[in-house]
Amino acid sequence: MGMQIRLVPLAAWYWTFVRTGAPPALSAHALGSIRWAVGSYAMWTASVPALAVGFAADAPWLLAAGAWAGCAATLVTGFQGWLVVRHAFDTPRWLSWCGDVLRRRSHSHQLAVPQGRS
């Protein structure tokens, strides 16, 4: 889950670059929401020890609380990932009137896929 916070923004930034042919306006690390990332981190930090102590102490209420916190953390982390990935498929406003860039965008797959064999 920790790697998702770093790798997904880099992939979304790269996809935007390949699709549009120009560097995205936002940095890869500015694509997500800091609030959602902090909330996800806090929930994971609470859920893992609660699960461990719940198993060790045979405390079903603590085990259930840790499981619910882990479930909520997974949902928040998934939402954070969606916030980041949606940037890769949004068309920036400044591209809507620029014909040259739009023509390059339709052939952007050629930037990422090697043509022919060596």
PDB file of N, CA and C in Angstrom:
ATOM      1  N   MET A   1       0.829  -1.191   0.000  1.00  0.00           N
ATOM      2  CA  MET A   1       0.000   0.000   0.000  1.00  0.00           C
ATOM      3  C   MET A   1       0.873   1.254   0.000  1.00  0.00           C
ATOM      4  N   GLY A   2       2.000   1.183   0.679  1.00  0.00           N
ATOM      5  CA  GLY A   2       2.886   2.343   0.716  1.00  0.00           C
ATOM      6  C   GLY A   2       3.492   2.644  -0.641  1.00  0.00           C
ATOM      7  N   MET A   3       3.787   1.616  -1.409  1.00  0.00           N
ATOM      8  CA  MET A   3       4.366   1.820  -2.740  1.00  0.00           C
ATOM      9  C   MET A   3       3.340   2.406  -3.706  1.00  0.00           C
ATOM     10  N   GLN A   4       2.069   2.118  -3.467  1.00  0.00           N
ATOM     11  CA  GLN A   4       1.026   2.654  -4.343  1.00  0.00           C
ATOM     12  C   GLN A   4       1.039   4.175  -4.319  1.00  0.00           C
ATOM     13  N   ILE A   5       1.322   4.748  -3.177  1.00  0.00           N
ATOM     14  CA  ILE A   5       1.297   6.201  -3.041  1.00  0.00           C
ATOM     15  C   ILE A   5       2.386   6.844  -3.886  1.00  0.00           C
ATOM     16  N   ARG A   6       3.470   6.134  -4.176  1.00  0.00           N
ATOM     17  CA  ARG A   6       4.558   6.671  -4.995  1.00  0.00           C
ATOM     18  C   ARG A   6       4.492   6.218  -6.453  1.00  0.00           C
ATOM     19  N   LEU A   7       4.125   4.971  -6.702  1.00  0.00           N
ATOM     20  CA  LEU A   7       4.171   4.439  -8.059  1.00  0.00           C
ATOM     21  C   LEU A   7       2.976   4.847  -8.921  1.00  0.00           C
ATOM     22  N   VAL A   8       1.799   4.892  -8.354  1.00  0.00           N
ATOM     23  CA  VAL A   8       0.611   5.247  -9.136  1.00  0.00           C
ATOM     24  C   VAL A   8       0.692   6.683  -9.658  1.00  0.00           C
ATOM     25  N   PRO A   9       1.115   7.681  -8.853  1.00  0.00           N
ATOM     26  CA  PRO A   9       1.250   9.031  -9.423  1.00  0.00           C
ATOM     27  C   PRO A   9       2.281   9.105 -10.554  1.00  0.00           C
ATOM     28  N   LEU A  10       3.385   8.374 -10.430  1.00  0.00           N
ATOM     29  CA  LEU A  10       4.374   8.387 -11.504  1.00  0.00           C
ATOM     30  C   LEU A  10       3.803   7.769 -12.776  1.00  0.00           C
ATOM     31  N   ALA A  11       3.048   6.684 -12.638  1.00  0.00           N
ATOM     32  CA  ALA A  11       2.424   6.061 -13.804  1.00  0.00           C
ATOM     33  C   ALA A  11       1.383   6.991 -14.429  1.00  0.00           C
ATOM     34  N   ALA A  12       0.579   7.657 -13.613  1.00  0.00           N
ATOM     35  CA  ALA A  12      -0.435   8.578 -14.138  1.00  0.00           C
ATOM     36  C   ALA A  12       0.219   9.758 -14.851  1.00  0.00           C
ATOM     37  N   TRP A  13       1.309  10.266 -14.296  1.00  0.00           N
ATOM     38  CA  TRP A  13       2.029  11.369 -14.927  1.00  0.00           C
ATOM     39  C   TRP A  13       2.573  10.915 -16.278  1.00  0.00           C
ATOM     40  N   TYR A  14       3.153   9.718 -16.328  1.00  0.00           N
ATOM     41  CA  TYR A  14       3.700   9.185 -17.574  1.00  0.00           C
ATOM     42  C   TYR A  14       2.596   8.961 -18.605  1.00  0.00           C
ATOM     43  N   TRP A  15       1.464   8.403 -18.194  1.00  0.00           N
ATOM     44  CA  TRP A  15       0.354   8.178 -19.118  1.00  0.00           C
ATOM     45  C   TRP A  15      -0.135   9.489 -19.704  1.00  0.00           C
ATOM     46  N   THR A  16      -0.206  10.537 -18.870  1.00  0.00           N
ATOM     47  CA  THR A  16      -0.624  11.850 -19.355  1.00  0.00           C
ATOM     48  C   THR A  16       0.377  12.376 -20.369  1.00  0.00           C
ATOM     49  N   PHE A  17       1.656  12.215 -20.084  1.00  0.00           N
ATOM     50  CA  PHE A  17       2.696  12.671 -21.002  1.00  0.00           C
ATOM     51  C   PHE A  17       2.615  11.944 -22.338  1.00  0.00           C
ATOM     52  N   VAL A  18       2.422  10.634 -22.299  1.00  0.00           N
ATOM     53  CA  VAL A  18       2.335   9.848 -23.531  1.00  0.00           C
ATOM     54  C   VAL A  18       1.077  10.207 -24.304  1.00  0.00           C
ATOM     55  N   ARG A  19      -0.022  10.403 -23.602  1.00  0.00           N
ATOM     56  CA  ARG A  19      -1.295  10.687 -24.273  1.00  0.00           C
ATOM     57  C   ARG A  19      -1.302  12.064 -24.918  1.00  0.00           C
ATOM     58  N   THR A  20      -0.758  13.078 -24.248  1.00  0.00           N
ATOM     59  CA  THR A  20      -0.836  14.444 -24.746  1.00  0.00           C
ATOM     60  C   THR A  20       0.392  14.879 -25.525  1.00  0.00           C
ATOM     61  N   GLY A  21       1.543  14.258 -25.278  1.00  0.00           N
ATOM     62  CA  GLY A  21       2.767  14.671 -25.946  1.00  0.00           C
ATOM     63  C   GLY A  21       3.443  15.849 -25.283  1.00  0.00           C
ATOM     64  N   ALA A  22       2.902  16.305 -24.173  1.00  0.00           N
ATOM     65  CA  ALA A  22       3.474  17.437 -23.442  1.00  0.00           C
ATOM     66  C   ALA A  22       3.515  17.086 -21.962  1.00  0.00           C
ATOM     67  N   PRO A  23       4.451  17.658 -21.217  1.00  0.00           N
ATOM     68  CA  PRO A  23       4.486  17.378 -19.777  1.00  0.00           C
ATOM     69  C   PRO A  23       3.209  17.868 -19.100  1.00  0.00           C
ATOM     70  N   PRO A  24       2.669  17.099 -18.164  1.00  0.00           N
ATOM     71  CA  PRO A  24       1.471  17.536 -17.447  1.00  0.00           C
ATOM     72  C   PRO A  24       1.728  18.808 -16.644  1.00  0.00           C
ATOM     73  N   ALA A  25       0.659  19.548 -16.398  1.00  0.00           N
ATOM     74  CA  ALA A  25       0.782  20.792 -15.644  1.00  0.00           C
ATOM     75  C   ALA A  25       1.145  20.528 -14.189  1.00  0.00           C
ATOM     76  N   LEU A  26       0.691  19.406 -13.640  1.00  0.00           N
ATOM     77  CA  LEU A  26       0.957  19.081 -12.246  1.00  0.00           C
ATOM     78  C   LEU A  26       2.108  18.104 -12.118  1.00  0.00           C
ATOM     79  N   SER A  27       2.842  18.227 -11.042  1.00  0.00           N
ATOM     80  CA  SER A  27       3.882  17.263 -10.715  1.00  0.00           C
ATOM     81  C   SER A  27       3.230  15.926 -10.370  1.00  0.00           C
ATOM     82  N   ALA A  28       3.994  14.855 -10.493  1.00  0.00           N
ATOM     83  CA  ALA A  28       3.464  13.531 -10.160  1.00  0.00           C
ATOM     84  C   ALA A  28       3.041  13.456  -8.702  1.00  0.00           C
ATOM     85  N   HIS A  29       3.706  14.187  -7.846  1.00  0.00           N
ATOM     86  CA  HIS A  29       3.403  14.112  -6.417  1.00  0.00           C
ATOM     87  C   HIS A  29       2.318  15.097  -5.992  1.00  0.00           C
ATOM     88  N   ALA A  30       1.807  15.892  -6.938  1.00  0.00           N
ATOM     89  CA  ALA A  30       0.720  16.814  -6.636  1.00  0.00           C
ATOM     90  C   ALA A  30      -0.615  16.310  -7.178  1.00  0.00           C
ATOM     91  N   LEU A  31      -0.646  15.101  -7.712  1.00  0.00           N
ATOM     92  CA  LEU A  31      -1.875  14.582  -8.307  1.00  0.00           C
ATOM     93  C   LEU A  31      -2.898  14.133  -7.276  1.00  0.00           C
ATOM     94  N   GLY A  32      -2.465  13.610  -6.167  1.00  0.00           N
ATOM     95  CA  GLY A  32      -3.380  13.089  -5.155  1.00  0.00           C
ATOM     96  C   GLY A  32      -3.753  14.140  -4.121  1.00  0.00           C
ATOM     97  N   SER A  33      -4.541  13.720  -3.168  1.00  0.00           N
ATOM     98  CA  SER A  33      -4.969  14.589  -2.079  1.00  0.00           C
ATOM     99  C   SER A  33      -4.165  14.255  -0.823  1.00  0.00           C
ATOM    100  N   ILE A  34      -3.573  15.264  -0.233  1.00  0.00           N
ATOM    101  CA  ILE A  34      -2.794  15.067   0.987  1.00  0.00           C
ATOM    102  C   ILE A  34      -3.713  14.615   2.129  1.00  0.00           C
ATOM    103  N   ARG A  35      -4.907  15.158   2.187  1.00  0.00           N
ATOM    104  CA  ARG A  35      -5.850  14.789   3.267  1.00  0.00           C
ATOM    105  C   ARG A  35      -6.185  13.292   3.214  1.00  0.00           C
ATOM    106  N   TRP A  36      -6.476  12.794   2.009  1.00  0.00           N
ATOM    107  CA  TRP A  36      -6.819  11.374   1.888  1.00  0.00           C
ATOM    108  C   TRP A  36      -5.615  10.498   2.196  1.00  0.00           C
ATOM    109  N   ALA A  37      -4.430  10.935   1.797  1.00  0.00           N
ATOM    110  CA  ALA A  37      -3.221  10.154   2.076  1.00  0.00           C
ATOM    111  C   ALA A  37      -2.941  10.098   3.572  1.00  0.00           C
ATOM    112  N   VAL A  38      -3.098  11.216   4.265  1.00  0.00           N
ATOM    113  CA  VAL A  38      -2.878  11.243   5.717  1.00  0.00           C
ATOM    114  C   VAL A  38      -3.938  10.398   6.427  1.00  0.00           C
ATOM    115  N   GLY A  39      -5.183  10.486   5.976  1.00  0.00           N
ATOM    116  CA  GLY A  39      -6.242   9.666   6.573  1.00  0.00           C
ATOM    117  C   GLY A  39      -5.995   8.184   6.387  1.00  0.00           C
ATOM    118  N   SER A  40      -5.559   7.816   5.194  1.00  0.00           N
ATOM    119  CA  SER A  40      -5.246   6.415   4.928  1.00  0.00           C
ATOM    120  C   SER A  40      -4.089   5.941   5.803  1.00  0.00           C
ATOM    121  N   TYR A  41      -3.067   6.750   5.905  1.00  0.00           N
ATOM    122  CA  TYR A  41      -1.908   6.382   6.737  1.00  0.00           C
ATOM    123  C   TYR A  41      -2.311   6.221   8.202  1.00  0.00           C
ATOM    124  N   ALA A  42      -3.148   7.130   8.693  1.00  0.00           N
ATOM    125  CA  ALA A  42      -3.589   7.049  10.091  1.00  0.00           C
ATOM    126  C   ALA A  42      -4.411   5.781  10.339  1.00  0.00           C
ATOM    127  N   MET A  43      -5.269   5.442   9.390  1.00  0.00           N
ATOM    128  CA  MET A  43      -6.084   4.240   9.577  1.00  0.00           C
ATOM    129  C   MET A  43      -5.244   2.975   9.521  1.00  0.00           C
ATOM    130  N   TRP A  44      -4.260   2.920   8.611  1.00  0.00           N
ATOM    131  CA  TRP A  44      -3.373   1.749   8.569  1.00  0.00           C
ATOM    132  C   TRP A  44      -2.537   1.666   9.835  1.00  0.00           C
ATOM    133  N   THR A  45      -2.082   2.821  10.330  1.00  0.00           N
ATOM    134  CA  THR A  45      -1.282   2.835  11.555  1.00  0.00           C
ATOM    135  C   THR A  45      -2.088   2.345  12.749  1.00  0.00           C
ATOM    136  N   ALA A  46      -3.377   2.605  12.770  1.00  0.00           N
ATOM    137  CA  ALA A  46      -4.225   2.140  13.865  1.00  0.00           C
ATOM    138  C   ALA A  46      -4.637   0.679  13.681  1.00  0.00           C
ATOM    139  N   SER A  47      -4.888   0.256  12.446  1.00  0.00           N
ATOM    140  CA  SER A  47      -5.459  -1.077  12.236  1.00  0.00           C
ATOM    141  C   SER A  47      -4.464  -2.208  12.438  1.00  0.00           C
ATOM    142  N   VAL A  48      -3.236  -2.042  11.985  1.00  0.00           N
ATOM    143  CA  VAL A  48      -2.280  -3.151  12.078  1.00  0.00           C
ATOM    144  C   VAL A  48      -1.954  -3.514  13.530  1.00  0.00           C
ATOM    145  N   PRO A  49      -1.617  -2.548  14.404  1.00  0.00           N
ATOM    146  CA  PRO A  49      -1.387  -2.930  15.803  1.00  0.00           C
ATOM    147  C   PRO A  49      -2.639  -3.470  16.498  1.00  0.00           C
ATOM    148  N   ALA A  50      -3.814  -2.907  16.147  1.00  0.00           N
ATOM    149  CA  ALA A  50      -5.049  -3.403  16.753  1.00  0.00           C
ATOM    150  C   ALA A  50      -5.295  -4.863  16.370  1.00  0.00           C
ATOM    151  N   LEU A  51      -5.019  -5.209  15.125  1.00  0.00           N
ATOM    152  CA  LEU A  51      -5.164  -6.609  14.710  1.00  0.00           C
ATOM    153  C   LEU A  51      -4.171  -7.510  15.443  1.00  0.00           C
ATOM    154  N   ALA A  52      -2.934  -7.058  15.548  1.00  0.00           N
ATOM    155  CA  ALA A  52      -1.906  -7.867  16.215  1.00  0.00           C
ATOM    156  C   ALA A  52      -2.239  -8.093  17.684  1.00  0.00           C
ATOM    157  N   VAL A  53      -2.613  -7.031  18.372  1.00  0.00           N
ATOM    158  CA  VAL A  53      -2.942  -7.145  19.798  1.00  0.00           C
ATOM    159  C   VAL A  53      -4.237  -7.930  19.974  1.00  0.00           C
ATOM    160  N   GLY A  54      -5.201  -7.738  19.073  1.00  0.00           N
ATOM    161  CA  GLY A  54      -6.457  -8.479  19.141  1.00  0.00           C
ATOM    162  C   GLY A  54      -6.243  -9.970  19.016  1.00  0.00           C
ATOM    163  N   PHE A  55      -5.352 -10.381  18.102  1.00  0.00           N
ATOM    164  CA  PHE A  55      -5.031 -11.807  17.979  1.00  0.00           C
ATOM    165  C   PHE A  55      -4.281 -12.316  19.198  1.00  0.00           C
ATOM    166  N   ALA A  56      -3.289 -11.540  19.669  1.00  0.00           N
ATOM    167  CA  ALA A  56      -2.445 -11.993  20.783  1.00  0.00           C
ATOM    168  C   ALA A  56      -3.229 -12.069  22.087  1.00  0.00           C
ATOM    169  N   ALA A  57      -4.106 -11.093  22.333  1.00  0.00           N
ATOM    170  CA  ALA A  57      -4.849 -11.039  23.591  1.00  0.00           C
ATOM    171  C   ALA A  57      -6.179 -11.772  23.523  1.00  0.00           C
ATOM    172  N   ASP A  58      -6.510 -12.329  22.363  1.00  0.00           N
ATOM    173  CA  ASP A  58      -7.787 -13.003  22.176  1.00  0.00           C
ATOM    174  C   ASP A  58      -8.942 -12.075  22.565  1.00  0.00           C
ATOM    175  N   ALA A  59      -8.866 -10.841  22.004  1.00  0.00           N
ATOM    176  CA  ALA A  59      -9.888  -9.822  22.271  1.00  0.00           C
ATOM    177  C   ALA A  59     -10.678  -9.588  20.984  1.00  0.00           C
ATOM    178  N   PRO A  60     -11.866 -10.190  20.864  1.00  0.00           N
ATOM    179  CA  PRO A  60     -12.632 -10.068  19.627  1.00  0.00           C
ATOM    180  C   PRO A  60     -13.025  -8.631  19.299  1.00  0.00           C
ATOM    181  N   TRP A  61     -13.303  -7.830  20.326  1.00  0.00           N
ATOM    182  CA  TRP A  61     -13.700  -6.446  20.056  1.00  0.00           C
ATOM    183  C   TRP A  61     -12.543  -5.654  19.447  1.00  0.00           C
ATOM    184  N   LEU A  62     -11.313  -5.898  19.897  1.00  0.00           N
ATOM    185  CA  LEU A  62     -10.151  -5.207  19.351  1.00  0.00           C
ATOM    186  C   LEU A  62      -9.821  -5.728  17.952  1.00  0.00           C
ATOM    187  N   LEU A  63     -10.005  -7.016  17.759  1.00  0.00           N
ATOM    188  CA  LEU A  63      -9.803  -7.606  16.448  1.00  0.00           C
ATOM    189  C   LEU A  63     -10.799  -7.041  15.439  1.00  0.00           C
ATOM    190  N   ALA A  64     -12.048  -6.904  15.857  1.00  0.00           N
ATOM    191  CA  ALA A  64     -13.073  -6.338  14.977  1.00  0.00           C
ATOM    192  C   ALA A  64     -12.778  -4.872  14.664  1.00  0.00           C
ATOM    193  N   ALA A  65     -12.347  -4.108  15.674  1.00  0.00           N
ATOM    194  CA  ALA A  65     -12.016  -2.695  15.443  1.00  0.00           C
ATOM    195  C   ALA A  65     -10.848  -2.565  14.466  1.00  0.00           C
ATOM    196  N   GLY A  66      -9.838  -3.409  14.626  1.00  0.00           N
ATOM    197  CA  GLY A  66      -8.706  -3.382  13.705  1.00  0.00           C
ATOM    198  C   GLY A  66      -9.099  -3.776  12.296  1.00  0.00           C
ATOM    199  N   ALA A  67      -9.986  -4.757  12.183  1.00  0.00           N
ATOM    200  CA  ALA A  67     -10.445  -5.185  10.859  1.00  0.00           C
ATOM    201  C   ALA A  67     -11.255  -4.092  10.175  1.00  0.00           C
ATOM    202  N   TRP A  68     -12.125  -3.422  10.929  1.00  0.00           N
ATOM    203  CA  TRP A  68     -12.902  -2.326  10.349  1.00  0.00           C
ATOM    204  C   TRP A  68     -12.005  -1.157   9.952  1.00  0.00           C
ATOM    205  N   ALA A  69     -11.010  -0.860  10.779  1.00  0.00           N
ATOM    206  CA  ALA A  69     -10.072   0.218  10.428  1.00  0.00           C
ATOM    207  C   ALA A  69      -9.265  -0.164   9.184  1.00  0.00           C
ATOM    208  N   GLY A  70      -8.879  -1.425   9.059  1.00  0.00           N
ATOM    209  CA  GLY A  70      -8.166  -1.872   7.863  1.00  0.00           C
ATOM    210  C   GLY A  70      -9.032  -1.818   6.623  1.00  0.00           C
ATOM    211  N   CYS A  71     -10.300  -2.173   6.769  1.00  0.00           N
ATOM    212  CA  CYS A  71     -11.236  -2.092   5.648  1.00  0.00           C
ATOM    213  C   CYS A  71     -11.419  -0.636   5.204  1.00  0.00           C
ATOM    214  N   ALA A  72     -11.598   0.249   6.172  1.00  0.00           N
ATOM    215  CA  ALA A  72     -11.741   1.676   5.849  1.00  0.00           C
ATOM    216  C   ALA A  72     -10.472   2.217   5.204  1.00  0.00           C
ATOM    217  N   ALA A  73      -9.316   1.792   5.698  1.00  0.00           N
ATOM    218  CA  ALA A  73      -8.045   2.240   5.120  1.00  0.00           C
ATOM    219  C   ALA A  73      -7.912   1.771   3.682  1.00  0.00           C
ATOM    220  N   THR A  74      -8.359   0.547   3.392  1.00  0.00           N
ATOM    221  CA  THR A  74      -8.301   0.036   2.027  1.00  0.00           C
ATOM    222  C   THR A  74      -9.202   0.845   1.104  1.00  0.00           C
ATOM    223  N   LEU A  75     -10.397   1.183   1.566  1.00  0.00           N
ATOM    224  CA  LEU A  75     -11.310   1.987   0.756  1.00  0.00           C
ATOM    225  C   LEU A  75     -10.753   3.386   0.517  1.00  0.00           C
ATOM    226  N   VAL A  76     -10.203   4.004   1.552  1.00  0.00           N
ATOM    227  CA  VAL A  76      -9.629   5.348   1.407  1.00  0.00           C
ATOM    228  C   VAL A  76      -8.422   5.315   0.476  1.00  0.00           C
ATOM    229  N   THR A  77      -7.583   4.299   0.597  1.00  0.00           N
ATOM    230  CA  THR A  77      -6.415   4.185  -0.274  1.00  0.00           C
ATOM    231  C   THR A  77      -6.848   3.957  -1.724  1.00  0.00           C
ATOM    232  N   GLY A  78      -7.874   3.175  -1.937  1.00  0.00           N
ATOM    233  CA  GLY A  78      -8.399   2.980  -3.283  1.00  0.00           C
ATOM    234  C   GLY A  78      -8.967   4.254  -3.872  1.00  0.00           C
ATOM    235  N   PHE A  79      -9.663   5.033  -3.060  1.00  0.00           N
ATOM    236  CA  PHE A  79     -10.195   6.316  -3.518  1.00  0.00           C
ATOM    237  C   PHE A  79      -9.054   7.266  -3.861  1.00  0.00           C
ATOM    238  N   GLN A  80      -8.011   7.268  -3.045  1.00  0.00           N
ATOM    239  CA  GLN A  80      -6.840   8.093  -3.318  1.00  0.00           C
ATOM    240  C   GLN A  80      -6.212   7.681  -4.655  1.00  0.00           C
ATOM    241  N   GLY A  81      -6.124   6.388  -4.907  1.00  0.00           N
ATOM    242  CA  GLY A  81      -5.601   5.912  -6.190  1.00  0.00           C
ATOM    243  C   GLY A  81      -6.460   6.356  -7.354  1.00  0.00           C
ATOM    244  N   TRP A  82      -7.776   6.336  -7.185  1.00  0.00           N
ATOM    245  CA  TRP A  82      -8.675   6.801  -8.231  1.00  0.00           C
ATOM    246  C   TRP A  82      -8.481   8.288  -8.487  1.00  0.00           C
ATOM    247  N   LEU A  83      -8.301   9.091  -7.420  1.00  0.00           N
ATOM    248  CA  LEU A  83      -8.060  10.520  -7.588  1.00  0.00           C
ATOM    249  C   LEU A  83      -6.821  10.769  -8.434  1.00  0.00           C
ATOM    250  N   VAL A  84      -5.812   9.952  -8.246  1.00  0.00           N
ATOM    251  CA  VAL A  84      -4.565  10.126  -8.986  1.00  0.00           C
ATOM    252  C   VAL A  84      -4.716   9.660 -10.431  1.00  0.00           C
ATOM    253  N   VAL A  85      -5.292   8.489 -10.647  1.00  0.00           N
ATOM    254  CA  VAL A  85      -5.371   7.915 -11.993  1.00  0.00           C
ATOM    255  C   VAL A  85      -6.304   8.714 -12.887  1.00  0.00           C
ATOM    256  N   ARG A  86      -7.308   9.357 -12.335  1.00  0.00           N
ATOM    257  CA  ARG A  86      -8.238  10.112 -13.183  1.00  0.00           C
ATOM    258  C   ARG A  86      -7.539  11.245 -13.912  1.00  0.00           C
ATOM    259  N   HIS A  87      -6.427  11.760 -13.361  1.00  0.00           N
ATOM    260  CA  HIS A  87      -5.680  12.815 -14.034  1.00  0.00           C
ATOM    261  C   HIS A  87      -5.076  12.331 -15.354  1.00  0.00           C
ATOM    262  N   ALA A  88      -4.776  11.067 -15.449  1.00  0.00           N
ATOM    263  CA  ALA A  88      -4.172  10.539 -16.669  1.00  0.00           C
ATOM    264  C   ALA A  88      -5.158  10.523 -17.830  1.00  0.00           C
ATOM    265  N   PHE A  89      -6.458  10.558 -17.545  1.00  0.00           N
ATOM    266  CA  PHE A  89      -7.454  10.460 -18.607  1.00  0.00           C
ATOM    267  C   PHE A  89      -8.252  11.739 -18.809  1.00  0.00           C
ATOM    268  N   ASP A  90      -7.999  12.768 -18.006  1.00  0.00           N
ATOM    269  CA  ASP A  90      -8.650  14.059 -18.200  1.00  0.00           C
ATOM    270  C   ASP A  90      -7.986  14.794 -19.356  1.00  0.00           C
ATOM    271  N   THR A  91      -8.786  15.474 -20.167  1.00  0.00           N
ATOM    272  CA  THR A  91      -8.228  16.311 -21.217  1.00  0.00           C
ATOM    273  C   THR A  91      -8.073  17.714 -20.662  1.00  0.00           C
ATOM    274  N   PRO A  92      -6.846  18.225 -20.603  1.00  0.00           N
ATOM    275  CA  PRO A  92      -6.660  19.586 -20.095  1.00  0.00           C
ATOM    276  C   PRO A  92      -7.369  20.601 -20.986  1.00  0.00           C
ATOM    277  N   ARG A  93      -7.843  21.697 -20.393  1.00  0.00           N
ATOM    278  CA  ARG A  93      -8.580  22.717 -21.145  1.00  0.00           C
ATOM    279  C   ARG A  93      -7.713  23.344 -22.234  1.00  0.00           C
ATOM    280  N   TRP A  94      -6.444  23.508 -21.956  1.00  0.00           N
ATOM    281  CA  TRP A  94      -5.593  24.166 -22.942  1.00  0.00           C
ATOM    282  C   TRP A  94      -5.343  23.285 -24.167  1.00  0.00           C
ATOM    283  N   LEU A  95      -5.668  21.979 -24.079  1.00  0.00           N
ATOM    284  CA  LEU A  95      -5.502  21.105 -25.237  1.00  0.00           C
ATOM    285  C   LEU A  95      -6.724  21.094 -26.142  1.00  0.00           C
ATOM    286  N   SER A  96      -7.862  21.541 -25.649  1.00  0.00           N
ATOM    287  CA  SER A  96      -9.096  21.392 -26.411  1.00  0.00           C
ATOM    288  C   SER A  96      -9.083  22.217 -27.695  1.00  0.00           C
ATOM    289  N   TRP A  97      -8.303  23.286 -27.774  1.00  0.00           N
ATOM    290  CA  TRP A  97      -8.285  24.122 -28.968  1.00  0.00           C
ATOM    291  C   TRP A  97      -6.985  23.994 -29.757  1.00  0.00           C
ATOM    292  N   CYS A  98      -6.050  23.218 -29.303  1.00  0.00           N
ATOM    293  CA  CYS A  98      -4.736  23.123 -29.924  1.00  0.00           C
ATOM    294  C   CYS A  98      -4.699  21.923 -30.874  1.00  0.00           C
ATOM    295  N   GLY A  99      -4.885  22.154 -32.163  1.00  0.00           N
ATOM    296  CA  GLY A  99      -4.977  21.073 -33.137  1.00  0.00           C
ATOM    297  C   GLY A  99      -3.701  20.262 -33.266  1.00  0.00           C
ATOM    298  N   ASP A 100      -2.539  20.914 -33.228  1.00  0.00           N
ATOM    299  CA  ASP A 100      -1.278  20.202 -33.396  1.00  0.00           C
ATOM    300  C   ASP A 100      -1.082  19.175 -32.282  1.00  0.00           C
ATOM    301  N   VAL A 101      -1.358  19.581 -31.058  1.00  0.00           N
ATOM    302  CA  VAL A 101      -1.183  18.669 -29.933  1.00  0.00           C
ATOM    303  C   VAL A 101      -2.214  17.558 -29.987  1.00  0.00           C
ATOM    304  N   LEU A 102      -3.422  17.867 -30.422  1.00  0.00           N
ATOM    305  CA  LEU A 102      -4.443  16.834 -30.521  1.00  0.00           C
ATOM    306  C   LEU A 102      -4.079  15.793 -31.584  1.00  0.00           C
ATOM    307  N   ARG A 103      -3.462  16.216 -32.676  1.00  0.00           N
ATOM    308  CA  ARG A 103      -3.026  15.245 -33.680  1.00  0.00           C
ATOM    309  C   ARG A 103      -1.929  14.344 -33.111  1.00  0.00           C
ATOM    310  N   ARG A 104      -1.017  14.924 -32.325  1.00  0.00           N
ATOM    311  CA  ARG A 104       0.023  14.111 -31.706  1.00  0.00           C
ATOM    312  C   ARG A 104      -0.573  13.175 -30.681  1.00  0.00           C
ATOM    313  N   ARG A 105      -1.626  13.636 -29.992  1.00  0.00           N
ATOM    314  CA  ARG A 105      -2.265  12.803 -28.975  1.00  0.00           C
ATOM    315  C   ARG A 105      -2.866  11.550 -29.594  1.00  0.00           C
ATOM    316  N   SER A 106      -3.391  11.647 -30.782  1.00  0.00           N
ATOM    317  CA  SER A 106      -4.001  10.471 -31.397  1.00  0.00           C
ATOM    318  C   SER A 106      -2.952   9.426 -31.770  1.00  0.00           C
ATOM    319  N   HIS A 107      -1.686   9.824 -31.889  1.00  0.00           N
ATOM    320  CA  HIS A 107      -0.608   8.895 -32.208  1.00  0.00           C
ATOM    321  C   HIS A 107       0.355   8.735 -31.044  1.00  0.00           C
ATOM    322  N   SER A 108      -0.101   9.063 -29.833  1.00  0.00           N
ATOM    323  CA  SER A 108       0.803   9.049 -28.683  1.00  0.00           C
ATOM    324  C   SER A 108       1.272   7.652 -28.318  1.00  0.00           C
ATOM    325  N   HIS A 109       0.543   6.605 -28.769  1.00  0.00           N
ATOM    326  CA  HIS A 109       0.984   5.255 -28.440  1.00  0.00           C
ATOM    327  C   HIS A 109       2.336   4.950 -29.072  1.00  0.00           C
ATOM    328  N   GLN A 110       2.690   5.670 -30.121  1.00  0.00           N
ATOM    329  CA  GLN A 110       3.974   5.434 -30.771  1.00  0.00           C
ATOM    330  C   GLN A 110       5.141   5.876 -29.889  1.00  0.00           C
ATOM    331  N   LEU A 111       4.877   6.775 -28.941  1.00  0.00           N
ATOM    332  CA  LEU A 111       5.942   7.207 -28.045  1.00  0.00           C
ATOM    333  C   LEU A 111       6.334   6.112 -27.064  1.00  0.00           C
ATOM    334  N   ALA A 112       5.378   5.285 -26.676  1.00  0.00           N
ATOM    335  CA  ALA A 112       5.640   4.301 -25.638  1.00  0.00           C
ATOM    336  C   ALA A 112       5.925   2.913 -26.186  1.00  0.00           C
ATOM    337  N   VAL A 113       5.460   2.631 -27.389  1.00  0.00           N
ATOM    338  CA  VAL A 113       5.621   1.285 -27.941  1.00  0.00           C
ATOM    339  C   VAL A 113       6.709   1.314 -29.004  1.00  0.00           C
ATOM    340  N   PRO A 114       7.767   0.555 -28.870  1.00  0.00           N
ATOM    341  CA  PRO A 114       8.804   0.535 -29.895  1.00  0.00           C
ATOM    342  C   PRO A 114       8.240   0.018 -31.218  1.00  0.00           C
ATOM    343  N   GLN A 115       8.619   0.640 -32.307  1.00  0.00           N
ATOM    344  CA  GLN A 115       8.144   0.234 -33.624  1.00  0.00           C
ATOM    345  C   GLN A 115       9.196  -0.672 -34.262  1.00  0.00           C
ATOM    346  N   GLY A 116       8.832  -1.873 -34.613  1.00  0.00           N
ATOM    347  CA  GLY A 116       9.750  -2.788 -35.260  1.00  0.00           C
ATOM    348  C   GLY A 116      10.627  -3.517 -34.262  1.00  0.00           C
ATOM    349  N   ARG A 117      11.446  -4.412 -34.768  1.00  0.00           N
ATOM    350  CA  ARG A 117      12.348  -5.182 -33.913  1.00  0.00           C
ATOM    351  C   ARG A 117      13.776  -4.854 -34.294  1.00  0.00           C
ATOM    352  N   SER A 118      14.660  -4.971 -33.305  1.00  0.00           N
ATOM    353  CA  SER A 118      16.066  -4.704 -33.599  1.00  0.00           C
ATOM    354  C   SER A 118      16.874  -5.970 -33.642  1.00  0.00           C
TER     355      SER A 118
END
